[in-house]
Every structure is written in C-alpha cells, then in structure tokens.
Amino acid sequence: MKYIRDLQEGNSVRDIYYCKQKNNIVTKNGREHWSVLLQDKTGTIEAKVWDLNSPSIVDFDPGDFIDIYGEVSTFNGALQLTIKQASIAKPGEYNPDHYFPMTNKNIDEMWQQLTAYIESVKNPHMSALLKKIFIEDEEFAGKFKKSSAAKSVHHAFIGGLLEHTLSVTDNCNYMAGHYLVLNRDLLVTAALLHDIGKTKEFSLFPENDYTDDGNLLGHIVLGAQMIEKAAGSIPEFPPVLKSEIEHCILSHHGKLEYGSPKVPSLVEAVALNYADDMDAKLEIFTEIADYTVSKDWLGFNRFLDSNIRLTRGE
C-alpha cells in the first residue's frame, strides 16, 4: 500500500483509501466538483474529482473505502490528489488496520498500569472517585481505551488518550517522589482524570472529530462536570477536596489564553500543567521524528512556537 505520508508531487497512485469527508463544491466560474479528504493511518490528503460525468467515477460517501487512481500535485504549498478513477472497495479488498492510526503500545498492558496507579491511591475518597469513573463505569472505560487525545496535534490515534494519560501520570508520580511538597494522591488522581472530558469532546475513530459538546464546552469543562457528578454520588465526599481536584482539571492548560478557565493556584495544579505540557510537546517531536529523516530546519511549528529541527548528532 502507498501510504499518504509517502506521497510526493508527480506520483501516480492506484490504491484504496478511506473517505473521511466529501463536499460538493461549485467554483466561482460555475464548475462543479467534489472536494474529498482521504485518510490512512499515516495522515490525510485533500483530493479533487473534477470530471463528475466520467464513467470511471462511481459516486461514494464519507465512510466508504475508495479504490482510486489519481495523480499527486502541489496546490498552495500542500500536496493534493486529483482523482481520475474511483470505485467503492468491497470488504476483504482492504485491511482496516491500514487506515486508522493506533498506538504502537499494548492497550491492555497500559490499562493494567493505569489501574495499578488507581490501586496505589491511599486516600479513600480519591480512591472511590477513581474507581467509580474508571472501573465501575464499563462504558466509559471502553471508550477511554479507544479514544484519541486530540484531533491532530498529539496522540491523535486510537489509544492515544490512554497513552497520554499514563505518560502524564508517570511524570507526576516521579515529581511527587522528588518534590515532597506535593500531595501524591491528589496529583496522581488529577493526572489520571485531567483529560477524561476528551471522551466527550471527540467522537471515536473513524470520525475522530469534535462533538457538539466538544465545540460548545471543551474537554476541560466537560471533565470538571464529570468529576462533579461522580464525586456527588459518593457519600460524604469532602467538598474542599472535590474543589481541589476540579481546580487541577480546570487549570491544567496553565494559562487563560490556552483554554484554562483558571490558572494554577495549587502546587499540584502547577505540577500537572508542566507534566501535561511536557508530554504533549515531546510527543509532537516524537511524531515528527517518526515521519521525517531530514536534519534540516523544518520551519515554524505553531504548537511549539518555534522553528524546529531534529538533532544532528549521532
């Protein structure tokens, strides 16, 4: 299979891709065409179908696997595919594993590590909260394992939310052992819960797109709401402790301009913000390193706020 990340200008392509989006467009001069977003596990590419009357073009819909022939060109600095032939692929003609990005780590093993962290929390109220959300709610647990951590920035793959959460918790657990001012139970609890709202912010693959609640509220507010509801169902859950946990979630992006309704006021909230930010940024570099061998400057990355390159040393 010719993966999207390997396509280059001038390539002729005959392969099967997943149709993520399809829109009927009319240009300013009245020419009708389809604008299509094709996907495989390495990324997406915009494609155009100009000859809608061609017998070689079979109508298809988002969610279909499309057997296409096309040519790769560059438009406005980005690769684009012009589709010359298209038909709907039948089951058995493609392997779904090639089309949706997935963690390269074992999901069951990561889940065991996450539940081990839950068991390590000694405070009975925080332990009860974590077990109510992650263990007792089997529907949530199943969705959490399959969710991505983002639409495109970092950990944007099946299992990405679990991988990111576990990595952030690892970072927080280390900090709690190094900086004794930190309340380990509170920090580990907040780390495990900090992105639970993403199970409601994003739809599962193959869509992996913002839901209505994701657009209207965002995962930070959604996560705080989920904690409010779960803690409220636990008898005699301390109100101050609930507010401290919710504060860590509401402030974990660190700054108001980064989407946090509050800036960190607790030392645990500060630690969580740095652990989350570090994992996200290092994962961005990791994914760049996975898809490029260039040691040249790669240009400005708006998420890292810098012109970046990979290390040249051996």
C-alpha atoms as a PDB file:
ATOM      1  CA  MET A   1       0.000   0.000   0.000  1.00  0.00           C
ATOM      2  CA  LYS A   2       1.191   3.510  -0.815  1.00  0.00           C
ATOM      3  CA  TYR A   3       0.767   5.434   2.427  1.00  0.00           C
ATOM      4  CA  ILE A   4      -0.258   9.072   2.300  1.00  0.00           C
ATOM      5  CA  ARG A   5       2.836  10.215   4.192  1.00  0.00           C
ATOM      6  CA  ASP A   6       4.992   8.754   1.381  1.00  0.00           C
ATOM      7  CA  LEU A   7       3.209  10.517  -1.487  1.00  0.00           C
ATOM      8  CA  GLN A   8       5.229  13.037  -3.481  1.00  0.00           C
ATOM      9  CA  GLU A   9       4.460  15.541  -6.201  1.00  0.00           C
ATOM     10  CA  GLY A  10       4.249  13.831  -9.573  1.00  0.00           C
ATOM     11  CA  ASN A  11       3.278  10.409  -8.202  1.00  0.00           C
ATOM     12  CA  SER A  12       0.591   8.370  -9.918  1.00  0.00           C
ATOM     13  CA  VAL A  13      -1.414   6.479  -7.314  1.00  0.00           C
ATOM     14  CA  ARG A  14      -3.624   3.407  -7.576  1.00  0.00           C
ATOM     15  CA  ASP A  15      -4.732   2.276  -4.135  1.00  0.00           C
ATOM     16  CA  ILE A  16      -7.555   2.138  -1.605  1.00  0.00           C
ATOM     17  CA  TYR A  17      -8.125   4.948   0.909  1.00  0.00           C
ATOM     18  CA  TYR A  18     -10.773   5.804   3.476  1.00  0.00           C
ATOM     19  CA  CYS A  19     -13.094   8.686   2.571  1.00  0.00           C
ATOM     20  CA  LYS A  20     -13.243  10.884   5.679  1.00  0.00           C
ATOM     21  CA  GLN A  21     -15.053  13.862   4.126  1.00  0.00           C
ATOM     22  CA  LYS A  22     -16.737  14.681   0.832  1.00  0.00           C
ATOM     23  CA  ASN A  23     -18.229  18.018  -0.227  1.00  0.00           C
ATOM     24  CA  ASN A  24     -19.907  19.137  -3.425  1.00  0.00           C
ATOM     25  CA  ILE A  25     -18.260  22.425  -4.467  1.00  0.00           C
ATOM     26  CA  VAL A  26     -19.032  24.953  -7.182  1.00  0.00           C
ATOM     27  CA  THR A  27     -16.164  27.223  -8.246  1.00  0.00           C
ATOM     28  CA  LYS A  28     -16.560  30.938  -8.987  1.00  0.00           C
ATOM     29  CA  ASN A  29     -16.802  30.170 -12.697  1.00  0.00           C
ATOM     30  CA  GLY A  30     -19.598  27.657 -12.054  1.00  0.00           C
ATOM     31  CA  ARG A  31     -17.595  24.452 -12.361  1.00  0.00           C
ATOM     32  CA  GLU A  32     -18.912  21.723 -10.067  1.00  0.00           C
ATOM     33  CA  HIS A  33     -16.560  19.231  -8.426  1.00  0.00           C
ATOM     34  CA  TRP A  34     -16.078  17.086  -5.331  1.00  0.00           C
ATOM     35  CA  SER A  35     -13.629  18.018  -2.604  1.00  0.00           C
ATOM     36  CA  VAL A  36     -12.646  14.849  -0.764  1.00  0.00           C
ATOM     37  CA  LEU A  37     -10.496  14.171   2.292  1.00  0.00           C
ATOM     38  CA  LEU A  38      -8.776  10.788   2.043  1.00  0.00           C
ATOM     39  CA  GLN A  39      -7.216   9.093   5.056  1.00  0.00           C
ATOM     40  CA  ASP A  40      -4.956   6.240   6.031  1.00  0.00           C
ATOM     41  CA  LYS A  41      -3.155   5.568   9.293  1.00  0.00           C
ATOM     42  CA  THR A  42      -0.329   7.949   8.364  1.00  0.00           C
ATOM     43  CA  GLY A  43      -2.445  11.021   7.680  1.00  0.00           C
ATOM     44  CA  THR A  44      -4.860  12.700   5.291  1.00  0.00           C
ATOM     45  CA  ILE A  45      -4.703  14.327   1.877  1.00  0.00           C
ATOM     46  CA  GLU A  46      -7.146  16.589   0.072  1.00  0.00           C
ATOM     47  CA  ALA A  47      -8.375  15.187  -3.229  1.00  0.00           C
ATOM     48  CA  LYS A  48     -10.445  16.607  -6.086  1.00  0.00           C
ATOM     49  CA  VAL A  49     -12.804  14.942  -8.522  1.00  0.00           C
ATOM     50  CA  TRP A  50     -13.321  17.273 -11.484  1.00  0.00           C
ATOM     51  CA  ASP A  51     -14.900  15.041 -14.132  1.00  0.00           C
ATOM     52  CA  LEU A  52     -18.154  14.119 -12.401  1.00  0.00           C
ATOM     53  CA  ASN A  53     -19.651  12.715 -15.607  1.00  0.00           C
ATOM     54  CA  SER A  54     -16.844  10.252 -16.207  1.00  0.00           C
ATOM     55  CA  PRO A  55     -17.951   6.575 -16.264  1.00  0.00           C
ATOM     56  CA  SER A  56     -14.739   5.874 -14.328  1.00  0.00           C
ATOM     57  CA  ILE A  57     -16.072   7.815 -11.324  1.00  0.00           C
ATOM     58  CA  VAL A  58     -18.549   5.951  -9.135  1.00  0.00           C
ATOM     59  CA  ASP A  59     -20.430   8.002  -6.537  1.00  0.00           C
ATOM     60  CA  PHE A  60     -19.290   7.366  -2.967  1.00  0.00           C
ATOM     61  CA  ASP A  61     -19.919   8.717   0.516  1.00  0.00           C
ATOM     62  CA  PRO A  62     -17.922   9.574   3.630  1.00  0.00           C
ATOM     63  CA  GLY A  63     -17.192   6.329   5.435  1.00  0.00           C
ATOM     64  CA  ASP A  64     -16.582   4.378   2.244  1.00  0.00           C
ATOM     65  CA  PHE A  65     -13.266   2.800   1.319  1.00  0.00           C
ATOM     66  CA  ILE A  66     -12.418   4.111  -2.154  1.00  0.00           C
ATOM     67  CA  ASP A  67     -10.349   2.343  -4.773  1.00  0.00           C
ATOM     68  CA  ILE A  68      -8.846   5.269  -6.672  1.00  0.00           C
ATOM     69  CA  TYR A  69      -6.458   6.125  -9.450  1.00  0.00           C
ATOM     70  CA  GLY A  70      -5.078   9.634  -9.306  1.00  0.00           C
ATOM     71  CA  GLU A  71      -2.148  11.998  -9.666  1.00  0.00           C
ATOM     72  CA  VAL A  72      -0.382  13.982  -6.943  1.00  0.00           C
ATOM     73  CA  SER A  73       0.327  17.670  -7.425  1.00  0.00           C
ATOM     74  CA  THR A  74       1.039  20.692  -5.240  1.00  0.00           C
ATOM     75  CA  PHE A  75      -1.526  23.443  -4.636  1.00  0.00           C
ATOM     76  CA  ASN A  76      -0.919  26.393  -2.303  1.00  0.00           C
ATOM     77  CA  GLY A  77       2.110  24.644  -0.856  1.00  0.00           C
ATOM     78  CA  ALA A  78       0.296  21.401   0.036  1.00  0.00           C
ATOM     79  CA  LEU A  79       0.048  18.059  -1.728  1.00  0.00           C
ATOM     80  CA  GLN A  80      -3.256  17.393  -3.456  1.00  0.00           C
ATOM     81  CA  LEU A  81      -4.605  14.365  -5.276  1.00  0.00           C
ATOM     82  CA  THR A  82      -6.617  14.609  -8.486  1.00  0.00           C
ATOM     83  CA  ILE A  83      -8.827  11.525  -8.745  1.00  0.00           C
ATOM     84  CA  LYS A  84      -9.246  10.155 -12.275  1.00  0.00           C
ATOM     85  CA  GLN A  85     -10.975   6.882 -11.378  1.00  0.00           C
ATOM     86  CA  ALA A  86     -12.933   5.887  -8.280  1.00  0.00           C
ATOM     87  CA  SER A  87     -14.956   2.891  -7.159  1.00  0.00           C
ATOM     88  CA  ILE A  88     -16.145   1.603  -3.803  1.00  0.00           C
ATOM     89  CA  ALA A  89     -13.908  -1.138  -2.428  1.00  0.00           C
ATOM     90  CA  LYS A  90     -15.523  -4.286  -1.096  1.00  0.00           C
ATOM     91  CA  PRO A  91     -14.794  -5.813   2.346  1.00  0.00           C
ATOM     92  CA  GLY A  92     -11.870  -8.165   2.012  1.00  0.00           C
ATOM     93  CA  GLU A  93     -10.134  -5.926  -0.519  1.00  0.00           C
ATOM     94  CA  TYR A  94      -8.551  -3.809   2.228  1.00  0.00           C
ATOM     95  CA  ASN A  95      -7.209  -4.166   5.763  1.00  0.00           C
ATOM     96  CA  PRO A  96      -8.905  -1.658   8.133  1.00  0.00           C
ATOM     97  CA  ASP A  97      -5.748  -1.568  10.277  1.00  0.00           C
ATOM     98  CA  HIS A  98      -4.054   0.400   7.471  1.00  0.00           C
ATOM     99  CA  TYR A  99      -6.493   3.294   7.673  1.00  0.00           C
ATOM    100  CA  PHE A 100      -6.860   4.367  11.286  1.00  0.00           C
ATOM    101  CA  PRO A 101      -3.831   5.404  13.351  1.00  0.00           C
ATOM    102  CA  MET A 102      -3.309   3.378  16.510  1.00  0.00           C
ATOM    103  CA  THR A 103      -0.913   3.416  19.434  1.00  0.00           C
ATOM    104  CA  ASN A 104       2.078   1.118  18.975  1.00  0.00           C
ATOM    105  CA  LYS A 105       1.787   0.155  22.625  1.00  0.00           C
ATOM    106  CA  ASN A 106      -0.350  -2.636  24.060  1.00  0.00           C
ATOM    107  CA  ILE A 107      -3.673  -1.177  25.231  1.00  0.00           C
ATOM    108  CA  ASP A 108      -4.365  -3.964  27.740  1.00  0.00           C
ATOM    109  CA  GLU A 109      -0.927  -3.564  29.318  1.00  0.00           C
ATOM    110  CA  MET A 110      -1.355   0.209  29.560  1.00  0.00           C
ATOM    111  CA  TRP A 111      -4.759  -0.262  31.170  1.00  0.00           C
ATOM    112  CA  GLN A 112      -3.200  -2.573  33.764  1.00  0.00           C
ATOM    113  CA  GLN A 113      -0.621   0.128  34.540  1.00  0.00           C
ATOM    114  CA  LEU A 114      -3.387   2.716  34.883  1.00  0.00           C
ATOM    115  CA  THR A 115      -5.415   0.529  37.252  1.00  0.00           C
ATOM    116  CA  ALA A 116      -2.242  -0.089  39.275  1.00  0.00           C
ATOM    117  CA  TYR A 117      -1.967   3.668  39.778  1.00  0.00           C
ATOM    118  CA  ILE A 118      -5.585   3.716  40.929  1.00  0.00           C
ATOM    119  CA  GLU A 119      -4.849   0.981  43.465  1.00  0.00           C
ATOM    120  CA  SER A 120      -1.851   2.970  44.739  1.00  0.00           C
ATOM    121  CA  VAL A 121      -4.004   5.944  45.811  1.00  0.00           C
ATOM    122  CA  LYS A 122      -4.441   5.621  49.584  1.00  0.00           C
ATOM    123  CA  ASN A 123      -6.942   8.415  50.252  1.00  0.00           C
ATOM    124  CA  PRO A 124     -10.310   6.612  50.439  1.00  0.00           C
ATOM    125  CA  HIS A 125     -12.293   9.435  48.828  1.00  0.00           C
ATOM    126  CA  MET A 126      -9.962   9.837  45.847  1.00  0.00           C
ATOM    127  CA  SER A 127      -9.712   6.061  45.503  1.00  0.00           C
ATOM    128  CA  ALA A 128     -13.513   5.794  45.435  1.00  0.00           C
ATOM    129  CA  LEU A 129     -13.725   8.570  42.823  1.00  0.00           C
ATOM    130  CA  LEU A 130     -11.196   6.923  40.518  1.00  0.00           C
ATOM    131  CA  LYS A 131     -12.826   3.511  40.821  1.00  0.00           C
ATOM    132  CA  LYS A 132     -16.290   4.944  40.164  1.00  0.00           C
ATOM    133  CA  ILE A 133     -15.116   6.583  36.942  1.00  0.00           C
ATOM    134  CA  PHE A 134     -12.579   4.098  35.552  1.00  0.00           C
ATOM    135  CA  ILE A 135     -13.653   0.741  36.994  1.00  0.00           C
ATOM    136  CA  GLU A 136     -17.384   0.795  37.740  1.00  0.00           C
ATOM    137  CA  ASP A 137     -18.362   2.622  34.549  1.00  0.00           C
ATOM    138  CA  GLU A 138     -17.509  -0.042  31.971  1.00  0.00           C
ATOM    139  CA  GLU A 139     -18.924   2.000  29.085  1.00  0.00           C
ATOM    140  CA  PHE A 140     -16.612   4.896  29.937  1.00  0.00           C
ATOM    141  CA  ALA A 141     -13.626   2.562  30.353  1.00  0.00           C
ATOM    142  CA  GLY A 142     -14.214   1.021  26.921  1.00  0.00           C
ATOM    143  CA  LYS A 143     -14.433   4.433  25.302  1.00  0.00           C
ATOM    144  CA  PHE A 144     -11.390   5.750  27.190  1.00  0.00           C
ATOM    145  CA  LYS A 145      -9.251   2.911  25.836  1.00  0.00           C
ATOM    146  CA  LYS A 146     -10.260   3.675  22.235  1.00  0.00           C
ATOM    147  CA  SER A 147     -10.209   7.488  22.332  1.00  0.00           C
ATOM    148  CA  SER A 148      -7.570   9.747  20.877  1.00  0.00           C
ATOM    149  CA  ALA A 149      -6.073  12.624  22.857  1.00  0.00           C
ATOM    150  CA  ALA A 150      -6.506  15.159  20.049  1.00  0.00           C
ATOM    151  CA  LYS A 151      -7.835  15.661  16.560  1.00  0.00           C
ATOM    152  CA  SER A 152      -4.403  16.259  15.063  1.00  0.00           C
ATOM    153  CA  VAL A 153      -1.816  17.820  17.418  1.00  0.00           C
ATOM    154  CA  HIS A 154      -0.508  14.939  19.565  1.00  0.00           C
ATOM    155  CA  HIS A 155      -1.608  11.385  20.380  1.00  0.00           C
ATOM    156  CA  ALA A 156      -4.253  11.671  17.633  1.00  0.00           C
ATOM    157  CA  PHE A 157      -4.704   7.923  17.317  1.00  0.00           C
ATOM    158  CA  ILE A 158      -6.694   5.042  18.788  1.00  0.00           C
ATOM    159  CA  GLY A 159      -5.402   4.509  22.315  1.00  0.00           C
ATOM    160  CA  GLY A 160      -3.829   7.960  22.328  1.00  0.00           C
ATOM    161  CA  LEU A 161      -5.812   9.220  25.319  1.00  0.00           C
ATOM    162  CA  LEU A 162      -4.802   6.223  27.412  1.00  0.00           C
ATOM    163  CA  GLU A 163      -1.153   6.511  26.334  1.00  0.00           C
ATOM    164  CA  HIS A 164      -1.047  10.263  27.063  1.00  0.00           C
ATOM    165  CA  THR A 165      -2.813   9.911  30.427  1.00  0.00           C
ATOM    166  CA  LEU A 166      -0.454   7.171  31.548  1.00  0.00           C
ATOM    167  CA  SER A 167       2.594   9.186  30.469  1.00  0.00           C
ATOM    168  CA  VAL A 168       1.379  12.295  32.325  1.00  0.00           C
ATOM    169  CA  THR A 169       0.699  10.161  35.413  1.00  0.00           C
ATOM    170  CA  ASP A 170       4.203   8.659  35.189  1.00  0.00           C
ATOM    171  CA  ASN A 171       5.647  12.181  35.110  1.00  0.00           C
ATOM    172  CA  CYS A 172       3.507  13.265  38.062  1.00  0.00           C
ATOM    173  CA  ASN A 173       4.375  10.171  40.079  1.00  0.00           C
ATOM    174  CA  TYR A 174       8.070  10.936  39.596  1.00  0.00           C
ATOM    175  CA  MET A 175       7.612  14.566  40.641  1.00  0.00           C
ATOM    176  CA  ALA A 176       5.675  13.520  43.748  1.00  0.00           C
ATOM    177  CA  GLY A 177       8.645  11.396  44.842  1.00  0.00           C
ATOM    178  CA  HIS A 178      11.128  14.194  44.146  1.00  0.00           C
ATOM    179  CA  TYR A 179       9.267  17.243  45.495  1.00  0.00           C
ATOM    180  CA  LEU A 180       7.896  16.396  48.921  1.00  0.00           C
ATOM    181  CA  VAL A 181       5.675  19.483  48.936  1.00  0.00           C
ATOM    182  CA  LEU A 182       3.377  17.649  46.534  1.00  0.00           C
ATOM    183  CA  ASN A 183       0.425  15.591  47.752  1.00  0.00           C
ATOM    184  CA  ARG A 184       0.983  12.411  45.739  1.00  0.00           C
ATOM    185  CA  ASP A 185      -2.582  11.119  45.998  1.00  0.00           C
ATOM    186  CA  LEU A 186      -4.038  14.410  44.796  1.00  0.00           C
ATOM    187  CA  LEU A 187      -1.507  14.776  41.979  1.00  0.00           C
ATOM    188  CA  VAL A 188      -1.868  11.198  40.702  1.00  0.00           C
ATOM    189  CA  THR A 189      -5.660  11.441  40.931  1.00  0.00           C
ATOM    190  CA  ALA A 190      -5.662  14.707  38.976  1.00  0.00           C
ATOM    191  CA  ALA A 191      -3.276  13.259  36.377  1.00  0.00           C
ATOM    192  CA  LEU A 192      -5.493  10.246  35.792  1.00  0.00           C
ATOM    193  CA  LEU A 193      -8.576  12.456  35.485  1.00  0.00           C
ATOM    194  CA  HIS A 194      -7.177  15.507  33.715  1.00  0.00           C
ATOM    195  CA  ASP A 195      -8.349  14.588  30.182  1.00  0.00           C
ATOM    196  CA  ILE A 196     -11.400  12.397  30.833  1.00  0.00           C
ATOM    197  CA  GLY A 197     -13.522  15.071  29.150  1.00  0.00           C
ATOM    198  CA  LYS A 198     -11.927  14.144  25.833  1.00  0.00           C
ATOM    199  CA  THR A 199     -14.128  11.039  25.745  1.00  0.00           C
ATOM    200  CA  LYS A 200     -16.980  13.513  25.218  1.00  0.00           C
ATOM    201  CA  GLU A 201     -15.046  16.157  23.277  1.00  0.00           C
ATOM    202  CA  PHE A 202     -14.132  13.841  20.390  1.00  0.00           C
ATOM    203  CA  SER A 203     -16.016  11.142  18.551  1.00  0.00           C
ATOM    204  CA  LEU A 204     -14.285   7.796  18.197  1.00  0.00           C
ATOM    205  CA  PHE A 205     -12.475   6.752  15.026  1.00  0.00           C
ATOM    206  CA  PRO A 206     -13.100   6.699  12.149  1.00  0.00           C
ATOM    207  CA  GLU A 207     -14.506  10.215  12.617  1.00  0.00           C
ATOM    208  CA  ASN A 208     -12.256  11.464  15.468  1.00  0.00           C
ATOM    209  CA  ASP A 209     -13.857  14.891  15.239  1.00  0.00           C
ATOM    210  CA  TYR A 210     -15.284  17.440  17.650  1.00  0.00           C
ATOM    211  CA  THR A 211     -18.717  16.633  19.034  1.00  0.00           C
ATOM    212  CA  ASP A 212     -21.298  19.341  19.716  1.00  0.00           C
ATOM    213  CA  ASP A 213     -20.286  19.364  23.387  1.00  0.00           C
ATOM    214  CA  GLY A 214     -16.644  19.407  22.333  1.00  0.00           C
ATOM    215  CA  ASN A 215     -17.195  22.556  20.297  1.00  0.00           C
ATOM    216  CA  LEU A 216     -19.502  24.238  22.801  1.00  0.00           C
ATOM    217  CA  LEU A 217     -17.792  23.327  26.089  1.00  0.00           C
ATOM    218  CA  GLY A 218     -14.416  21.646  25.517  1.00  0.00           C
ATOM    219  CA  HIS A 219     -12.786  18.817  27.408  1.00  0.00           C
ATOM    220  CA  ILE A 220     -11.688  20.894  30.397  1.00  0.00           C
ATOM    221  CA  VAL A 221     -15.215  21.928  31.337  1.00  0.00           C
ATOM    222  CA  LEU A 222     -16.620  18.525  30.385  1.00  0.00           C
ATOM    223  CA  GLY A 223     -14.062  16.800  32.606  1.00  0.00           C
ATOM    224  CA  ALA A 224     -14.886  19.048  35.556  1.00  0.00           C
ATOM    225  CA  GLN A 225     -18.582  18.273  35.077  1.00  0.00           C
ATOM    226  CA  MET A 226     -17.880  14.538  35.071  1.00  0.00           C
ATOM    227  CA  ILE A 227     -15.916  14.813  38.313  1.00  0.00           C
ATOM    228  CA  GLU A 228     -18.659  16.935  39.898  1.00  0.00           C
ATOM    229  CA  LYS A 229     -21.248  14.287  39.048  1.00  0.00           C
ATOM    230  CA  ALA A 230     -19.148  11.295  40.149  1.00  0.00           C
ATOM    231  CA  ALA A 231     -17.971  12.885  43.404  1.00  0.00           C
ATOM    232  CA  GLY A 232     -21.520  13.994  44.157  1.00  0.00           C
ATOM    233  CA  SER A 233     -22.645  10.354  44.120  1.00  0.00           C
ATOM    234  CA  ILE A 234     -20.043   9.298  46.711  1.00  0.00           C
ATOM    235  CA  PRO A 235     -21.335   9.673  50.302  1.00  0.00           C
ATOM    236  CA  GLU A 236     -19.532  12.265  52.424  1.00  0.00           C
ATOM    237  CA  PHE A 237     -17.075  13.241  49.700  1.00  0.00           C
ATOM    238  CA  PRO A 238     -15.233  16.274  51.152  1.00  0.00           C
ATOM    239  CA  PRO A 239     -16.329  19.472  49.335  1.00  0.00           C
ATOM    240  CA  VAL A 240     -12.892  21.090  49.590  1.00  0.00           C
ATOM    241  CA  LEU A 241     -11.175  18.011  48.150  1.00  0.00           C
ATOM    242  CA  LYS A 242     -13.654  17.949  45.265  1.00  0.00           C
ATOM    243  CA  SER A 243     -12.892  21.604  44.536  1.00  0.00           C
ATOM    244  CA  GLU A 244      -9.139  20.944  44.654  1.00  0.00           C
ATOM    245  CA  ILE A 245      -9.429  18.081  42.143  1.00  0.00           C
ATOM    246  CA  GLU A 246     -11.669  20.151  39.881  1.00  0.00           C
ATOM    247  CA  HIS A 247      -9.236  23.078  40.134  1.00  0.00           C
ATOM    248  CA  CYS A 248      -6.414  20.863  38.884  1.00  0.00           C
ATOM    249  CA  ILE A 249      -8.519  19.861  35.877  1.00  0.00           C
ATOM    250  CA  LEU A 250      -9.758  23.409  35.175  1.00  0.00           C
ATOM    251  CA  SER A 251      -6.225  24.840  35.287  1.00  0.00           C
ATOM    252  CA  HIS A 252      -4.191  22.088  33.639  1.00  0.00           C
ATOM    253  CA  HIS A 253      -3.548  24.082  30.446  1.00  0.00           C
ATOM    254  CA  GLY A 254      -1.798  26.635  32.600  1.00  0.00           C
ATOM    255  CA  LYS A 255      -2.981  29.907  31.079  1.00  0.00           C
ATOM    256  CA  LEU A 256      -6.310  31.513  30.266  1.00  0.00           C
ATOM    257  CA  GLU A 257      -5.233  32.023  26.647  1.00  0.00           C
ATOM    258  CA  TYR A 258      -4.550  28.286  26.377  1.00  0.00           C
ATOM    259  CA  GLY A 259      -8.131  27.434  27.303  1.00  0.00           C
ATOM    260  CA  SER A 260      -7.934  27.030  31.067  1.00  0.00           C
ATOM    261  CA  PRO A 261     -10.772  28.791  32.946  1.00  0.00           C
ATOM    262  CA  LYS A 262      -8.351  29.146  35.879  1.00  0.00           C
ATOM    263  CA  VAL A 263      -4.590  29.451  36.229  1.00  0.00           C
ATOM    264  CA  PRO A 264      -2.936  27.027  38.678  1.00  0.00           C
ATOM    265  CA  SER A 265      -3.219  28.032  42.348  1.00  0.00           C
ATOM    266  CA  LEU A 266      -2.226  24.727  43.948  1.00  0.00           C
ATOM    267  CA  VAL A 267       1.252  23.233  43.707  1.00  0.00           C
ATOM    268  CA  GLU A 268      -0.304  20.016  42.390  1.00  0.00           C
ATOM    269  CA  ALA A 269      -2.032  22.002  39.643  1.00  0.00           C
ATOM    270  CA  VAL A 270       1.307  23.569  38.671  1.00  0.00           C
ATOM    271  CA  ALA A 271       2.959  20.138  38.514  1.00  0.00           C
ATOM    272  CA  LEU A 272       0.092  18.713  36.444  1.00  0.00           C
ATOM    273  CA  ASN A 273       0.306  21.595  33.971  1.00  0.00           C
ATOM    274  CA  TYR A 274       4.021  21.033  33.395  1.00  0.00           C
ATOM    275  CA  ALA A 275       3.647  17.253  33.150  1.00  0.00           C
ATOM    276  CA  ASP A 276       0.834  17.580  30.606  1.00  0.00           C
ATOM    277  CA  ASP A 277       2.636  20.247  28.568  1.00  0.00           C
ATOM    278  CA  MET A 278       5.885  18.290  28.511  1.00  0.00           C
ATOM    279  CA  ASP A 279       4.261  15.086  27.322  1.00  0.00           C
ATOM    280  CA  ALA A 280       2.301  16.880  24.597  1.00  0.00           C
ATOM    281  CA  LYS A 281       5.335  18.751  23.245  1.00  0.00           C
ATOM    282  CA  LEU A 282       7.699  15.799  23.353  1.00  0.00           C
ATOM    283  CA  GLU A 283       5.078  13.659  21.602  1.00  0.00           C
ATOM    284  CA  ILE A 284       4.861  16.305  18.853  1.00  0.00           C
ATOM    285  CA  PHE A 285       8.625  15.966  18.347  1.00  0.00           C
ATOM    286  CA  THR A 286       8.336  12.169  18.519  1.00  0.00           C
ATOM    287  CA  GLU A 287       5.723  12.081  15.770  1.00  0.00           C
ATOM    288  CA  ILE A 288       7.766  14.484  13.633  1.00  0.00           C
ATOM    289  CA  ALA A 289      10.803  12.222  14.052  1.00  0.00           C
ATOM    290  CA  ASP A 290       8.712   9.210  13.019  1.00  0.00           C
ATOM    291  CA  TYR A 291       7.743  10.846   9.728  1.00  0.00           C
ATOM    292  CA  THR A 292      10.885  12.656   8.632  1.00  0.00           C
ATOM    293  CA  VAL A 293      14.574  11.863   8.254  1.00  0.00           C
ATOM    294  CA  SER A 294      15.541  15.436   7.453  1.00  0.00           C
ATOM    295  CA  LYS A 295      18.121  17.088   9.684  1.00  0.00           C
ATOM    296  CA  ASP A 296      17.397  20.493   8.154  1.00  0.00           C
ATOM    297  CA  TRP A 297      15.296  23.167   9.799  1.00  0.00           C
ATOM    298  CA  LEU A 298      11.676  22.099   9.401  1.00  0.00           C
ATOM    299  CA  GLY A 299      10.029  25.513   9.673  1.00  0.00           C
ATOM    300  CA  PHE A 300       7.864  27.197  12.281  1.00  0.00           C
ATOM    301  CA  ASN A 301       5.639  24.921  14.347  1.00  0.00           C
ATOM    302  CA  ARG A 302       2.797  26.899  15.903  1.00  0.00           C
ATOM    303  CA  PHE A 303       2.235  24.383  18.692  1.00  0.00           C
ATOM    304  CA  LEU A 304       5.878  24.562  19.740  1.00  0.00           C
ATOM    305  CA  ASP A 305       6.069  28.279  18.894  1.00  0.00           C
ATOM    306  CA  SER A 306       9.463  27.833  17.276  1.00  0.00           C
ATOM    307  CA  ASN A 307      11.342  26.975  14.107  1.00  0.00           C
ATOM    308  CA  ILE A 308      12.369  23.375  14.774  1.00  0.00           C
ATOM    309  CA  ARG A 309      14.772  20.692  13.611  1.00  0.00           C
ATOM    310  CA  LEU A 310      15.857  17.258  14.775  1.00  0.00           C
ATOM    311  CA  THR A 311      19.201  16.627  16.490  1.00  0.00           C
ATOM    312  CA  ARG A 312      22.071  16.190  14.023  1.00  0.00           C
ATOM    313  CA  GLY A 313      24.459  14.427  16.363  1.00  0.00           C
ATOM    314  CA  GLU A 314      24.953  10.662  16.399  1.00  0.00           C
END
